[in-house]
């Protein structure tokens, strides 16, 4: 097994799939930066993260705001950030109103 450490810039570059790819616009640069920080908090040398950009695209979604997220999720039981955090992982994108959630 070969393990490669990725800087934040390397991590962001993993999501560049070429001009024709529909995967290119799944996250903003700021969103990817926040996702990288979240992953770095959750994993360490004893529990390494296996990089798979497509798996992350499937697992996480970025929204412009909490309101957009709640509208897309369409769960009438979830109306606040606290309720959303109780049901899934929520990553706040620093300096913006955007959030990234883990699919549930």
C-alpha atoms as a PDB file:
ATOM      1  CA  UNK A   1       0.000   0.000   0.000  1.00  0.00           C
ATOM      2  CA  UNK A   2       1.238   3.486  -0.848  1.00  0.00           C
ATOM      3  CA  UNK A   3       0.073   6.384   1.296  1.00  0.00           C
ATOM      4  CA  UNK A   4       0.469   9.933   0.051  1.00  0.00           C
ATOM      5  CA  UNK A   5      -0.055  12.948   2.258  1.00  0.00           C
ATOM      6  CA  UNK A   6      -2.045  15.720   0.587  1.00  0.00           C
ATOM      7  CA  UNK A   7      -1.761  19.402   1.319  1.00  0.00           C
ATOM      8  CA  UNK A   8      -4.953  21.436   1.148  1.00  0.00           C
ATOM      9  CA  UNK A   9      -4.006  22.547  -2.394  1.00  0.00           C
ATOM     10  CA  UNK A  10      -3.378  18.913  -3.429  1.00  0.00           C
ATOM     11  CA  UNK A  11      -6.738  17.931  -1.939  1.00  0.00           C
ATOM     12  CA  UNK A  12      -8.540  20.652  -3.930  1.00  0.00           C
ATOM     13  CA  UNK A  13      -6.723  19.548  -7.106  1.00  0.00           C
ATOM     14  CA  UNK A  14      -8.122  16.014  -6.650  1.00  0.00           C
ATOM     15  CA  UNK A  15     -11.533  17.471  -7.586  1.00  0.00           C
ATOM     16  CA  UNK A  16     -10.381  18.783 -10.983  1.00  0.00           C
ATOM     17  CA  UNK A  17     -11.727  16.120 -13.322  1.00  0.00           C
ATOM     18  CA  UNK A  18     -11.125  17.959 -16.598  1.00  0.00           C
ATOM     19  CA  UNK A  19     -13.151  20.492 -18.544  1.00  0.00           C
ATOM     20  CA  UNK A  20     -15.908  18.109 -19.661  1.00  0.00           C
ATOM     21  CA  UNK A  21     -16.653  16.555 -16.283  1.00  0.00           C
ATOM     22  CA  UNK A  22     -19.931  17.193 -14.489  1.00  0.00           C
ATOM     23  CA  UNK A  23     -18.129  16.599 -11.168  1.00  0.00           C
ATOM     24  CA  UNK A  24     -16.151  19.852 -11.300  1.00  0.00           C
ATOM     25  CA  UNK A  25     -18.795  22.089  -9.752  1.00  0.00           C
ATOM     26  CA  UNK A  26     -19.876  20.005  -6.763  1.00  0.00           C
ATOM     27  CA  UNK A  27     -18.020  22.179  -4.245  1.00  0.00           C
ATOM     28  CA  UNK A  28     -16.702  25.718  -4.085  1.00  0.00           C
ATOM     29  CA  UNK A  29     -13.024  26.297  -3.333  1.00  0.00           C
ATOM     30  CA  UNK A  30     -14.005  27.464   0.164  1.00  0.00           C
ATOM     31  CA  UNK A  31     -16.178  24.380   0.584  1.00  0.00           C
ATOM     32  CA  UNK A  32     -13.325  22.059  -0.362  1.00  0.00           C
ATOM     33  CA  UNK A  33     -11.066  23.907   2.057  1.00  0.00           C
ATOM     34  CA  UNK A  34     -13.590  23.377   4.874  1.00  0.00           C
ATOM     35  CA  UNK A  35     -14.088  19.732   3.890  1.00  0.00           C
ATOM     36  CA  UNK A  36     -10.306  19.217   4.017  1.00  0.00           C
ATOM     37  CA  UNK A  37     -10.165  20.737   7.515  1.00  0.00           C
ATOM     38  CA  UNK A  38     -13.059  18.511   8.640  1.00  0.00           C
ATOM     39  CA  UNK A  39     -11.344  15.377   7.318  1.00  0.00           C
ATOM     40  CA  UNK A  40      -8.049  16.363   8.956  1.00  0.00           C
ATOM     41  CA  UNK A  41      -9.873  16.665  12.308  1.00  0.00           C
ATOM     42  CA  UNK A  42     -11.485  13.225  11.940  1.00  0.00           C
ATOM     43  CA  UNK A  43      -8.466  11.197  10.830  1.00  0.00           C
ATOM     44  CA  UNK A  44      -4.868  10.756  11.943  1.00  0.00           C
ATOM     45  CA  UNK A  45      -1.819   8.594  11.214  1.00  0.00           C
ATOM     46  CA  UNK A  46      -3.292   5.655  13.084  1.00  0.00           C
ATOM     47  CA  UNK A  47      -6.626   6.050  11.307  1.00  0.00           C
ATOM     48  CA  UNK A  48      -5.733   7.424   7.837  1.00  0.00           C
ATOM     49  CA  UNK A  49      -8.255   8.736   5.346  1.00  0.00           C
ATOM     50  CA  UNK A  50      -8.293   7.037   1.949  1.00  0.00           C
ATOM     51  CA  UNK A  51      -8.754   9.789  -0.632  1.00  0.00           C
ATOM     52  CA  UNK A  52     -11.595   9.181  -3.075  1.00  0.00           C
ATOM     53  CA  UNK A  53     -12.978  12.395  -4.573  1.00  0.00           C
ATOM     54  CA  UNK A  54     -15.968  10.659  -6.193  1.00  0.00           C
ATOM     55  CA  UNK A  55     -16.928   9.030  -2.874  1.00  0.00           C
ATOM     56  CA  UNK A  56     -16.769  12.447  -1.176  1.00  0.00           C
ATOM     57  CA  UNK A  57     -18.982  13.930  -3.907  1.00  0.00           C
ATOM     58  CA  UNK A  58     -21.505  11.165  -3.278  1.00  0.00           C
ATOM     59  CA  UNK A  59     -21.314  11.458   0.518  1.00  0.00           C
ATOM     60  CA  UNK A  60     -21.337  15.254   0.920  1.00  0.00           C
ATOM     61  CA  UNK A  61     -23.348  18.110  -0.593  1.00  0.00           C
ATOM     62  CA  UNK A  62     -22.672  21.837  -0.388  1.00  0.00           C
ATOM     63  CA  UNK A  63     -25.511  24.336  -0.092  1.00  0.00           C
ATOM     64  CA  UNK A  64     -25.510  28.135  -0.327  1.00  0.00           C
ATOM     65  CA  UNK A  65     -27.407  28.442   2.953  1.00  0.00           C
ATOM     66  CA  UNK A  66     -29.190  26.530   5.677  1.00  0.00           C
ATOM     67  CA  UNK A  67     -32.498  27.510   4.096  1.00  0.00           C
ATOM     68  CA  UNK A  68     -31.499  26.031   0.711  1.00  0.00           C
ATOM     69  CA  UNK A  69     -30.320  22.861   2.436  1.00  0.00           C
ATOM     70  CA  UNK A  70     -33.542  22.422   4.400  1.00  0.00           C
ATOM     71  CA  UNK A  71     -35.583  22.990   1.259  1.00  0.00           C
ATOM     72  CA  UNK A  72     -33.538  20.387  -0.657  1.00  0.00           C
ATOM     73  CA  UNK A  73     -33.551  17.858   2.183  1.00  0.00           C
ATOM     74  CA  UNK A  74     -37.329  18.182   2.455  1.00  0.00           C
ATOM     75  CA  UNK A  75     -37.614  16.732   5.948  1.00  0.00           C
ATOM     76  CA  UNK A  76     -40.420  18.522   7.804  1.00  0.00           C
ATOM     77  CA  UNK A  77     -38.946  17.429  11.162  1.00  0.00           C
ATOM     78  CA  UNK A  78     -35.742  19.421  10.554  1.00  0.00           C
ATOM     79  CA  UNK A  79     -36.160  23.194  10.809  1.00  0.00           C
ATOM     80  CA  UNK A  80     -32.999  24.477  12.528  1.00  0.00           C
ATOM     81  CA  UNK A  81     -29.242  24.060  12.336  1.00  0.00           C
ATOM     82  CA  UNK A  82     -29.305  22.200  15.652  1.00  0.00           C
ATOM     83  CA  UNK A  83     -31.865  19.691  14.363  1.00  0.00           C
ATOM     84  CA  UNK A  84     -29.827  19.215  11.177  1.00  0.00           C
ATOM     85  CA  UNK A  85     -26.656  18.645  13.219  1.00  0.00           C
ATOM     86  CA  UNK A  86     -28.516  16.071  15.296  1.00  0.00           C
ATOM     87  CA  UNK A  87     -29.297  14.077  12.120  1.00  0.00           C
ATOM     88  CA  UNK A  88     -26.073  14.357  10.107  1.00  0.00           C
ATOM     89  CA  UNK A  89     -22.586  15.842   9.955  1.00  0.00           C
ATOM     90  CA  UNK A  90     -22.667  19.550   9.160  1.00  0.00           C
ATOM     91  CA  UNK A  91     -19.594  21.480   8.036  1.00  0.00           C
ATOM     92  CA  UNK A  92     -19.911  25.246   8.089  1.00  0.00           C
ATOM     93  CA  UNK A  93     -17.942  26.912   5.301  1.00  0.00           C
ATOM     94  CA  UNK A  94     -15.897  29.572   7.040  1.00  0.00           C
ATOM     95  CA  UNK A  95     -16.632  33.170   6.092  1.00  0.00           C
ATOM     96  CA  UNK A  96     -19.849  32.293   4.234  1.00  0.00           C
ATOM     97  CA  UNK A  97     -23.415  31.171   4.871  1.00  0.00           C
ATOM     98  CA  UNK A  98     -22.714  27.936   2.960  1.00  0.00           C
ATOM     99  CA  UNK A  99     -22.814  24.541   4.623  1.00  0.00           C
ATOM    100  CA  UNK A 100     -21.787  21.043   3.618  1.00  0.00           C
ATOM    101  CA  UNK A 101     -23.758  18.096   4.937  1.00  0.00           C
ATOM    102  CA  UNK A 102     -23.191  14.383   4.875  1.00  0.00           C
ATOM    103  CA  UNK A 103     -26.028  12.627   3.074  1.00  0.00           C
ATOM    104  CA  UNK A 104     -28.451  10.868   5.386  1.00  0.00           C
END
